[in-house]
Amino acid sequence: MSCIGTIYSRNNSVTSGVSGWTLSGIARKKRQWYKITSGPGGMNCPPFAQMRRWMSGTIAGERHMHENDYLMENDEEALRLEVKTDGEVLRKQARWAGIAPGMRIADIGCGAGVTTEILHGAAQPGGSIVGIDVSEKRISHALGRYAKNGIQFQQRDMLHPLDDLGTFDFVWVRFVLEYFLADSFAVVENISRLVKPGGILCLIDLDYNCLSHYGMSGRMERTLFSIVRALQEKADFDPYVGRKLYSYLYDLGYVDID
């Protein structure tokens, strides 16, 4: 049984229709996009995506993600991220998603920068990467430890437009959306602007992981569920976001979604 929800997708058009192919090259799909000019921020997007934006009331640029909003924020968070990152697992996920030599990559929510360096290595020869994170502390850490030719870091708010970064062949978002219960769709929608036609967007996140243990006592189970419920209500944490990823990309017009 899988412990994460992973989405792989190729974005093959921006405004005039979407077509794509499966990994085997057998199946093709096409979905129509519609121009919606009424409602907030009228833009080229499928109806379901626009409806999500209306219901959530969140449009890129309306809210701000501050460093202190981050659930795991503390002085040793960069160290925690480095220790917990399994390079071999990460490389395996990236290869499965389609990372390849020569790609231009964006690492969204790059944290301490260790993931950015690993992805950069997987795209050699000729690849380059930009890591972005809202945390000044972790971007400073990443710049001091991992910045080199082909690896850049920027402190940015992923709820705000990122268009000035250009477009990318491969956009990586791993264990980020779980911290955006109210705005995860808005984050994905905003990040989608970075994916070039024919590019890949890879989303990896939690799906009920911490609530799926067998053999807990009733008291332990009630306590754990109570803690997670409090995190949802008070810390904007979403332990179920992994199961939403397919829906998000489908509603945004992506194809070849695995």
Protein backbone atom coordinates (compact mmCIF):
# COMPACT_ATOMS: atom_id res chain seq x y z
CA MET A 1 0.00 0.00 0.00
CA SER A 2 1.27 3.46 -0.92
CA CYS A 3 1.91 5.98 1.80
CA ILE A 4 2.00 9.03 -0.45
CA GLY A 5 -0.15 10.51 -3.17
CA THR A 6 1.95 11.20 -6.25
CA ILE A 7 0.80 12.95 -9.40
CA TYR A 8 2.76 13.01 -12.64
CA SER A 9 1.40 15.11 -15.46
CA ARG A 10 2.34 16.69 -18.76
CA ASN A 11 0.88 20.12 -19.44
CA ASN A 12 0.64 20.31 -23.22
CA SER A 13 -1.21 23.58 -23.75
CA VAL A 14 -1.94 26.82 -22.01
CA THR A 15 -5.02 28.37 -23.59
CA SER A 16 -6.36 26.54 -26.62
CA GLY A 17 -6.87 22.94 -25.58
CA VAL A 18 -4.83 20.22 -23.95
CA SER A 19 -3.51 17.05 -25.54
CA GLY A 20 -1.10 14.49 -24.20
CA TRP A 21 0.24 10.98 -24.25
CA THR A 22 0.75 8.21 -21.74
CA LEU A 23 4.14 6.87 -20.74
CA SER A 24 3.64 4.01 -23.17
CA GLY A 25 2.76 6.43 -25.97
CA ILE A 26 -0.52 4.60 -26.67
CA ALA A 27 -3.34 6.74 -25.32
CA ARG A 28 -4.12 10.34 -26.15
CA LYS A 29 -6.56 12.69 -24.47
CA LYS A 30 -7.92 16.12 -25.24
CA ARG A 31 -9.91 18.46 -23.01
CA GLN A 32 -11.34 21.83 -23.92
CA TRP A 33 -10.41 24.93 -21.96
CA TYR A 34 -12.85 27.80 -21.65
CA LYS A 35 -12.33 31.54 -21.34
CA ILE A 36 -14.13 32.67 -18.19
CA THR A 37 -14.12 36.42 -17.70
CA SER A 38 -16.77 36.80 -15.00
CA GLY A 39 -15.99 36.06 -11.40
CA PRO A 40 -12.70 36.77 -9.61
CA GLY A 41 -9.63 37.15 -11.79
CA GLY A 42 -11.25 35.77 -14.98
CA MET A 43 -8.66 33.64 -16.74
CA ASN A 44 -8.19 30.70 -19.07
CA CYS A 45 -9.12 27.68 -16.99
CA PRO A 46 -11.63 24.81 -16.95
CA PRO A 47 -14.99 25.47 -15.25
CA PHE A 48 -14.26 23.27 -12.22
CA ALA A 49 -11.03 25.10 -11.51
CA GLN A 50 -12.80 28.45 -11.61
CA MET A 51 -15.51 27.14 -9.30
CA ARG A 52 -12.87 26.05 -6.80
CA ARG A 53 -11.43 29.57 -6.83
CA TRP A 54 -14.83 31.13 -6.21
CA MET A 55 -15.63 28.74 -3.35
CA SER A 56 -12.30 29.15 -1.61
CA GLY A 57 -12.13 32.90 -2.17
CA THR A 58 -8.41 32.51 -2.76
CA ILE A 59 -6.60 33.86 -5.80
CA ALA A 60 -2.84 33.98 -6.18
CA GLY A 61 -1.62 37.22 -4.66
CA GLU A 62 -4.53 37.79 -2.27
CA ARG A 63 -2.95 36.02 0.70
CA HIS A 64 0.57 35.91 2.07
CA MET A 65 2.49 32.94 3.39
CA HIS A 66 4.67 34.09 6.26
CA GLU A 67 7.57 32.15 7.71
CA ASN A 68 5.87 32.05 11.12
CA ASP A 69 2.77 30.41 9.57
CA TYR A 70 4.75 27.23 8.94
CA LEU A 71 3.70 24.49 11.36
CA MET A 72 7.21 23.07 11.78
CA GLU A 73 8.98 26.41 12.22
CA ASN A 74 11.91 26.35 14.65
CA ASP A 75 15.61 27.18 14.68
CA GLU A 76 16.64 23.61 13.78
CA GLU A 77 14.19 23.02 10.93
CA ALA A 78 16.91 23.13 8.26
CA LEU A 79 18.76 20.35 10.11
CA ARG A 80 15.58 18.28 10.47
CA LEU A 81 14.90 18.53 6.75
CA GLU A 82 18.41 17.47 5.86
CA VAL A 83 18.37 14.48 8.24
CA LYS A 84 14.95 13.22 7.12
CA THR A 85 15.60 13.43 3.36
CA ASP A 86 16.34 10.02 1.85
CA GLY A 87 18.28 10.79 -1.30
CA GLU A 88 17.77 7.39 -2.92
CA VAL A 89 13.99 7.47 -2.40
CA LEU A 90 13.86 11.01 -3.75
CA ARG A 91 15.90 10.13 -6.86
CA LYS A 92 13.67 7.10 -7.49
CA GLN A 93 10.53 9.25 -7.28
CA ALA A 94 12.01 11.88 -9.57
CA ARG A 95 13.09 9.32 -12.18
CA TRP A 96 9.63 7.75 -12.11
CA ALA A 97 8.08 11.18 -12.64
CA GLY A 98 10.22 11.78 -15.70
CA ILE A 99 13.19 13.90 -14.65
CA ALA A 100 15.89 13.78 -17.31
CA PRO A 101 19.27 15.28 -18.18
CA GLY A 102 19.23 18.83 -19.46
CA MET A 103 15.94 19.82 -17.84
CA ARG A 104 15.27 23.20 -16.24
CA ILE A 105 13.71 22.40 -12.85
CA ALA A 106 11.83 24.30 -10.15
CA ASP A 107 11.90 22.94 -6.58
CA ILE A 108 8.88 24.53 -4.86
CA GLY A 109 9.17 24.67 -1.08
CA CYS A 110 12.84 23.70 -1.28
CA GLY A 111 13.48 24.14 2.46
CA ALA A 112 17.13 23.61 3.40
CA GLY A 113 18.18 22.97 -0.21
CA VAL A 114 19.22 19.32 0.05
CA THR A 115 16.37 18.19 -2.23
CA THR A 116 17.32 20.87 -4.74
CA GLU A 117 20.88 19.56 -4.92
CA ILE A 118 19.69 15.96 -5.39
CA LEU A 119 17.28 16.92 -8.18
CA HIS A 120 20.03 18.95 -9.84
CA GLY A 121 22.25 15.88 -9.86
CA ALA A 122 19.47 13.81 -11.42
CA ALA A 123 19.21 16.28 -14.32
CA GLN A 124 22.86 16.09 -15.31
CA PRO A 125 24.44 16.64 -17.67
CA GLY A 126 23.16 20.06 -18.61
CA GLY A 127 20.33 20.52 -16.12
CA SER A 128 19.69 23.55 -13.92
CA ILE A 129 17.38 24.21 -10.98
CA VAL A 130 15.79 27.05 -9.01
CA GLY A 131 14.75 26.35 -5.41
CA ILE A 132 12.17 28.63 -3.82
CA ASP A 133 10.98 28.83 -0.22
CA VAL A 134 9.22 31.42 1.94
CA SER A 135 11.75 31.06 4.77
CA GLU A 136 14.60 33.55 4.85
CA LYS A 137 16.47 31.28 7.29
CA ARG A 138 16.32 28.20 5.08
CA ILE A 139 17.10 30.07 1.89
CA SER A 140 20.14 31.54 3.64
CA HIS A 141 21.14 28.02 4.71
CA ALA A 142 20.64 26.69 1.19
CA LEU A 143 22.66 29.52 -0.38
CA GLY A 144 25.52 28.92 2.01
CA ARG A 145 25.61 25.15 1.56
CA TYR A 146 24.27 24.18 -1.86
CA ALA A 147 24.40 27.15 -4.25
CA LYS A 148 26.72 26.57 -7.19
CA ASN A 149 26.73 26.75 -10.96
CA GLY A 150 23.32 25.50 -12.09
CA ILE A 151 21.67 25.78 -8.65
CA GLN A 152 19.91 28.99 -7.59
CA PHE A 153 17.75 29.81 -4.58
CA GLN A 154 15.17 32.55 -4.08
CA GLN A 155 13.00 33.52 -1.12
CA ARG A 156 9.49 33.66 -2.56
CA ASP A 157 5.87 33.31 -1.48
CA MET A 158 4.22 30.54 -3.51
CA LEU A 159 0.81 32.15 -3.03
CA HIS A 160 2.03 35.10 -5.08
CA PRO A 161 2.78 35.18 -8.82
CA LEU A 162 6.06 33.53 -9.80
CA ASP A 163 5.86 34.24 -13.53
CA ASP A 164 9.11 36.21 -13.55
CA LEU A 165 10.96 32.94 -12.92
CA GLY A 166 10.10 31.80 -16.43
CA THR A 167 8.91 28.31 -17.33
CA PHE A 168 10.33 24.92 -16.46
CA ASP A 169 10.50 21.43 -17.91
CA PHE A 170 9.97 19.83 -14.50
CA VAL A 171 8.32 21.32 -11.40
CA TRP A 172 8.70 19.45 -8.09
CA VAL A 173 6.40 19.97 -5.07
CA ARG A 174 7.05 17.46 -2.30
CA PHE A 175 5.46 17.55 1.18
CA VAL A 176 4.43 21.18 0.79
CA LEU A 177 0.67 21.23 0.17
CA GLU A 178 -0.07 19.57 3.52
CA TYR A 179 0.64 22.97 5.13
CA PHE A 180 -2.00 24.74 3.00
CA LEU A 181 -5.38 23.27 3.98
CA ALA A 182 -7.27 26.40 2.93
CA ASP A 183 -5.18 27.27 -0.11
CA SER A 184 -3.66 24.10 -1.58
CA PHE A 185 -5.59 24.38 -4.83
CA ALA A 186 -4.57 28.03 -5.20
CA VAL A 187 -0.93 27.02 -4.70
CA VAL A 188 -1.14 24.33 -7.40
CA GLU A 189 -2.92 26.71 -9.75
CA ASN A 190 -0.24 29.35 -9.24
CA ILE A 191 2.62 26.88 -9.66
CA SER A 192 1.03 25.53 -12.84
CA ARG A 193 1.97 28.75 -14.59
CA LEU A 194 5.60 27.68 -14.31
CA VAL A 195 5.12 24.44 -16.25
CA LYS A 196 6.03 24.86 -19.89
CA PRO A 197 3.90 23.17 -22.60
CA GLY A 198 4.88 19.51 -22.55
CA GLY A 199 6.44 19.91 -19.10
CA ILE A 200 5.97 17.80 -15.98
CA LEU A 201 4.43 18.77 -12.65
CA CYS A 202 5.12 16.30 -9.84
CA LEU A 203 3.13 16.62 -6.59
CA ILE A 204 3.94 14.34 -3.65
CA ASP A 205 2.19 14.61 -0.31
CA LEU A 206 0.51 12.97 2.67
CA ASP A 207 -2.65 10.93 2.50
CA TYR A 208 -3.79 9.94 5.99
CA ASN A 209 -0.33 8.54 6.77
CA CYS A 210 -0.23 9.39 10.47
CA LEU A 211 -3.73 7.99 11.05
CA SER A 212 -3.30 4.56 9.46
CA HIS A 213 -1.47 2.58 12.15
CA TYR A 214 -2.83 -0.80 13.22
CA GLY A 215 -2.90 -2.03 16.78
CA MET A 216 -3.20 1.27 18.65
CA SER A 217 -5.20 1.31 21.84
CA GLY A 218 -8.51 3.15 21.75
CA ARG A 219 -7.08 5.87 23.94
CA MET A 220 -4.05 6.36 21.69
CA GLU A 221 -6.20 6.44 18.58
CA ARG A 222 -8.57 9.05 20.05
CA THR A 223 -5.61 11.16 21.16
CA LEU A 224 -3.95 11.02 17.74
CA PHE A 225 -7.16 11.92 15.91
CA SER A 226 -7.73 14.76 18.36
CA ILE A 227 -4.25 16.16 17.72
CA VAL A 228 -4.65 15.98 13.95
CA ARG A 229 -8.09 17.60 14.13
CA ALA A 230 -6.61 20.46 16.16
CA LEU A 231 -3.84 20.89 13.57
CA GLN A 232 -6.45 21.10 10.84
CA GLU A 233 -8.47 23.71 12.70
CA LYS A 234 -5.66 25.84 14.12
CA ALA A 235 -2.59 25.29 11.93
CA ASP A 236 -4.06 24.97 8.40
CA PHE A 237 -2.67 21.41 8.21
CA ASP A 238 -4.18 18.87 5.79
CA PRO A 239 -3.35 15.19 6.42
CA TYR A 240 -5.57 14.16 3.49
CA VAL A 241 -4.20 16.38 0.72
CA GLY A 242 -2.60 13.47 -1.14
CA ARG A 243 -5.99 12.16 -2.27
CA LYS A 244 -6.89 15.58 -3.70
CA LEU A 245 -3.95 15.85 -6.10
CA TYR A 246 -5.47 14.02 -9.04
CA SER A 247 -8.60 16.15 -8.80
CA TYR A 248 -6.59 19.36 -8.68
CA LEU A 249 -4.65 18.59 -11.83
CA TYR A 250 -7.67 17.24 -13.68
CA ASP A 251 -9.59 20.42 -12.90
CA LEU A 252 -6.66 22.48 -14.14
CA GLY A 253 -6.69 20.69 -17.49
CA TYR A 254 -3.69 18.41 -17.07
CA VAL A 255 -3.49 15.12 -18.92
CA ASP A 256 -1.49 11.91 -18.60
CA ILE A 257 -2.00 12.00 -14.83
CA ASP A 258 -0.57 9.04 -12.92
